[in-house]
Amino acid sequence: MTVTANAANGVWTLSAQNGAPVTAGFTIPKGGVVLKTSGFASCTITASPAGPTTVDGTWTNGAPSALAISGAPVPATVTGGFLCPTGNQSATFTATYRITDTTDPAQQITVTG
């Protein structure tokens, strides 16, 4: 299996808003994630096939701060041959991103309420 993330149809964006609790998430551009399986059931799964998808997550301040996405629904299409559930589907997205300031890695990025 291979997973490819890209920004060919737009950039990935991250947003965070102070409050109680802090709200955070990011936007996956159209076709921003492509997963290809191999073997007997060779399938290609494309996330956000029709346009950008925004997913919400949990922000944690720290060194580094983190954005955790857990089981967020994302529209997907599946193509392939025998045994692939082709057509429009729904996928779940789970990931944790460590957020750092690339211009000054010692500088913490925090969001407060």
C-alpha atoms as a PDB file:
ATOM      1  CA  MET A   1       0.000   0.000   0.000  1.00  0.00           C
ATOM      2  CA  THR A   2       1.211   3.525  -0.761  1.00  0.00           C
ATOM      3  CA  VAL A   3      -0.220   6.789   0.557  1.00  0.00           C
ATOM      4  CA  THR A   4       0.532  10.052  -1.216  1.00  0.00           C
ATOM      5  CA  ALA A   5      -0.416  13.514   0.016  1.00  0.00           C
ATOM      6  CA  ASN A   6      -0.213  16.369  -2.434  1.00  0.00           C
ATOM      7  CA  ALA A   7      -1.158  19.988  -2.988  1.00  0.00           C
ATOM      8  CA  ALA A   8      -1.602  19.783  -6.767  1.00  0.00           C
ATOM      9  CA  ASN A   9      -5.154  21.199  -6.554  1.00  0.00           C
ATOM     10  CA  GLY A  10      -4.585  23.633  -3.688  1.00  0.00           C
ATOM     11  CA  VAL A  11      -2.718  23.985  -0.437  1.00  0.00           C
ATOM     12  CA  TRP A  12      -3.345  22.205   2.847  1.00  0.00           C
ATOM     13  CA  THR A  13      -4.362  24.813   5.414  1.00  0.00           C
ATOM     14  CA  LEU A  14      -4.401  24.705   9.196  1.00  0.00           C
ATOM     15  CA  SER A  15      -6.625  26.885  11.344  1.00  0.00           C
ATOM     16  CA  ALA A  16      -6.983  27.347  15.087  1.00  0.00           C
ATOM     17  CA  GLN A  17      -9.312  29.616  17.026  1.00  0.00           C
ATOM     18  CA  ASN A  18      -8.931  30.587  20.650  1.00  0.00           C
ATOM     19  CA  GLY A  19     -11.816  29.864  22.963  1.00  0.00           C
ATOM     20  CA  ALA A  20     -12.896  27.389  25.569  1.00  0.00           C
ATOM     21  CA  PRO A  21     -12.125  24.882  24.191  1.00  0.00           C
ATOM     22  CA  VAL A  22      -9.708  25.833  21.415  1.00  0.00           C
ATOM     23  CA  THR A  23     -11.085  24.799  18.017  1.00  0.00           C
ATOM     24  CA  ALA A  24      -8.697  23.628  15.332  1.00  0.00           C
ATOM     25  CA  GLY A  25      -8.661  21.757  12.073  1.00  0.00           C
ATOM     26  CA  PHE A  26      -7.312  21.745   8.574  1.00  0.00           C
ATOM     27  CA  THR A  27      -8.486  21.656   4.992  1.00  0.00           C
ATOM     28  CA  ILE A  28      -7.526  18.887   2.586  1.00  0.00           C
ATOM     29  CA  PRO A  29      -7.460  20.163  -1.020  1.00  0.00           C
ATOM     30  CA  LYS A  30      -9.284  18.359  -3.817  1.00  0.00           C
ATOM     31  CA  GLY A  31      -7.616  14.968  -4.292  1.00  0.00           C
ATOM     32  CA  GLY A  32      -5.220  15.774  -1.441  1.00  0.00           C
ATOM     33  CA  VAL A  33      -4.691  12.151  -0.355  1.00  0.00           C
ATOM     34  CA  VAL A  34      -4.405   9.116  -2.629  1.00  0.00           C
ATOM     35  CA  LEU A  35      -4.063   5.596  -1.246  1.00  0.00           C
ATOM     36  CA  LYS A  36      -3.206   2.695  -3.542  1.00  0.00           C
ATOM     37  CA  THR A  37      -3.429  -0.930  -2.512  1.00  0.00           C
ATOM     38  CA  SER A  38      -1.705  -3.766  -4.295  1.00  0.00           C
ATOM     39  CA  GLY A  39      -2.251  -7.466  -4.585  1.00  0.00           C
ATOM     40  CA  PHE A  40      -5.414  -9.351  -5.410  1.00  0.00           C
ATOM     41  CA  ALA A  41      -7.684  -6.333  -4.833  1.00  0.00           C
ATOM     42  CA  SER A  42      -5.790  -3.392  -6.316  1.00  0.00           C
ATOM     43  CA  CYS A  43      -7.788  -0.280  -5.437  1.00  0.00           C
ATOM     44  CA  THR A  44      -7.147   3.460  -5.561  1.00  0.00           C
ATOM     45  CA  ILE A  45      -8.852   5.612  -2.924  1.00  0.00           C
ATOM     46  CA  THR A  46      -8.887   9.379  -3.473  1.00  0.00           C
ATOM     47  CA  ALA A  47      -9.899  11.619  -0.569  1.00  0.00           C
ATOM     48  CA  SER A  48     -11.770  14.866  -1.244  1.00  0.00           C
ATOM     49  CA  PRO A  49     -12.426  14.000  -4.907  1.00  0.00           C
ATOM     50  CA  ALA A  50     -14.855  16.850  -5.664  1.00  0.00           C
ATOM     51  CA  GLY A  51     -13.253  19.700  -3.726  1.00  0.00           C
ATOM     52  CA  PRO A  52     -11.684  20.742  -0.433  1.00  0.00           C
ATOM     53  CA  THR A  53     -12.752  19.042   2.809  1.00  0.00           C
ATOM     54  CA  THR A  54     -12.404  20.607   6.251  1.00  0.00           C
ATOM     55  CA  VAL A  55     -11.826  18.293   9.218  1.00  0.00           C
ATOM     56  CA  ASP A  56     -11.910  19.249  12.886  1.00  0.00           C
ATOM     57  CA  GLY A  57      -9.427  18.157  15.493  1.00  0.00           C
ATOM     58  CA  THR A  58      -8.134  18.724  18.989  1.00  0.00           C
ATOM     59  CA  TRP A  59      -5.376  21.259  19.618  1.00  0.00           C
ATOM     60  CA  THR A  60      -2.851  20.707  22.418  1.00  0.00           C
ATOM     61  CA  ASN A  61      -0.332  23.406  23.347  1.00  0.00           C
ATOM     62  CA  GLY A  62       3.147  22.069  24.036  1.00  0.00           C
ATOM     63  CA  ALA A  63       6.699  21.844  22.794  1.00  0.00           C
ATOM     64  CA  PRO A  64       5.772  21.217  20.050  1.00  0.00           C
ATOM     65  CA  SER A  65       2.032  21.871  19.967  1.00  0.00           C
ATOM     66  CA  ALA A  66      -0.115  19.234  18.262  1.00  0.00           C
ATOM     67  CA  LEU A  67      -3.268  18.921  16.185  1.00  0.00           C
ATOM     68  CA  ALA A  68      -4.934  15.503  16.533  1.00  0.00           C
ATOM     69  CA  ILE A  69      -7.586  14.344  14.070  1.00  0.00           C
ATOM     70  CA  SER A  70      -9.481  11.232  15.131  1.00  0.00           C
ATOM     71  CA  GLY A  71     -11.873   9.460  12.795  1.00  0.00           C
ATOM     72  CA  ALA A  72     -12.965  12.531  10.832  1.00  0.00           C
ATOM     73  CA  PRO A  73     -15.282  11.648   7.917  1.00  0.00           C
ATOM     74  CA  VAL A  74     -13.883  12.538   4.489  1.00  0.00           C
ATOM     75  CA  PRO A  75     -15.597  11.919   1.141  1.00  0.00           C
ATOM     76  CA  ALA A  76     -13.689   9.519  -1.114  1.00  0.00           C
ATOM     77  CA  THR A  77     -13.939   7.721  -4.416  1.00  0.00           C
ATOM     78  CA  VAL A  78     -12.678   4.223  -5.047  1.00  0.00           C
ATOM     79  CA  THR A  79     -11.535   2.911  -8.411  1.00  0.00           C
ATOM     80  CA  GLY A  80     -10.006  -0.386  -9.348  1.00  0.00           C
ATOM     81  CA  GLY A  81     -10.808  -3.881 -10.316  1.00  0.00           C
ATOM     82  CA  PHE A  82     -12.298  -6.983  -8.796  1.00  0.00           C
ATOM     83  CA  LEU A  83     -13.260  -6.694  -5.082  1.00  0.00           C
ATOM     84  CA  CYS A  84     -12.937  -2.897  -4.927  1.00  0.00           C
ATOM     85  CA  PRO A  85     -16.085  -1.109  -3.656  1.00  0.00           C
ATOM     86  CA  THR A  86     -15.955   1.366  -6.536  1.00  0.00           C
ATOM     87  CA  GLY A  87     -17.784   4.671  -6.581  1.00  0.00           C
ATOM     88  CA  ASN A  88     -18.455   7.328  -3.995  1.00  0.00           C
ATOM     89  CA  GLN A  89     -17.558   6.254  -0.479  1.00  0.00           C
ATOM     90  CA  SER A  90     -16.706   7.801   2.882  1.00  0.00           C
ATOM     91  CA  ALA A  91     -13.342   7.406   4.546  1.00  0.00           C
ATOM     92  CA  THR A  92     -12.144   8.260   8.038  1.00  0.00           C
ATOM     93  CA  PHE A  93      -9.039  10.333   8.596  1.00  0.00           C
ATOM     94  CA  THR A  94      -6.883   9.941  11.699  1.00  0.00           C
ATOM     95  CA  ALA A  95      -3.546  11.707  12.197  1.00  0.00           C
ATOM     96  CA  THR A  96      -1.531  13.730  14.682  1.00  0.00           C
ATOM     97  CA  TYR A  97       0.500  16.688  13.467  1.00  0.00           C
ATOM     98  CA  ARG A  98       3.296  18.250  15.507  1.00  0.00           C
ATOM     99  CA  ILE A  99       3.221  21.997  14.855  1.00  0.00           C
ATOM    100  CA  THR A 100       6.508  23.922  14.823  1.00  0.00           C
ATOM    101  CA  ASP A 101       7.668  27.328  13.641  1.00  0.00           C
ATOM    102  CA  THR A 102      10.073  26.466  10.814  1.00  0.00           C
ATOM    103  CA  THR A 103      11.664  29.931  10.907  1.00  0.00           C
ATOM    104  CA  ASP A 104      12.352  29.682  14.671  1.00  0.00           C
ATOM    105  CA  PRO A 105      11.965  26.098  15.970  1.00  0.00           C
ATOM    106  CA  ALA A 106      12.588  27.273  19.566  1.00  0.00           C
ATOM    107  CA  GLN A 107       9.462  29.472  19.358  1.00  0.00           C
ATOM    108  CA  GLN A 108       6.369  27.655  20.638  1.00  0.00           C
ATOM    109  CA  ILE A 109       3.094  28.027  18.774  1.00  0.00           C
ATOM    110  CA  THR A 110       0.281  28.229  21.296  1.00  0.00           C
ATOM    111  CA  VAL A 111      -3.432  28.964  21.122  1.00  0.00           C
ATOM    112  CA  THR A 112      -5.095  30.189  24.303  1.00  0.00           C
ATOM    113  CA  GLY A 113      -8.677  30.718  25.340  1.00  0.00           C
END
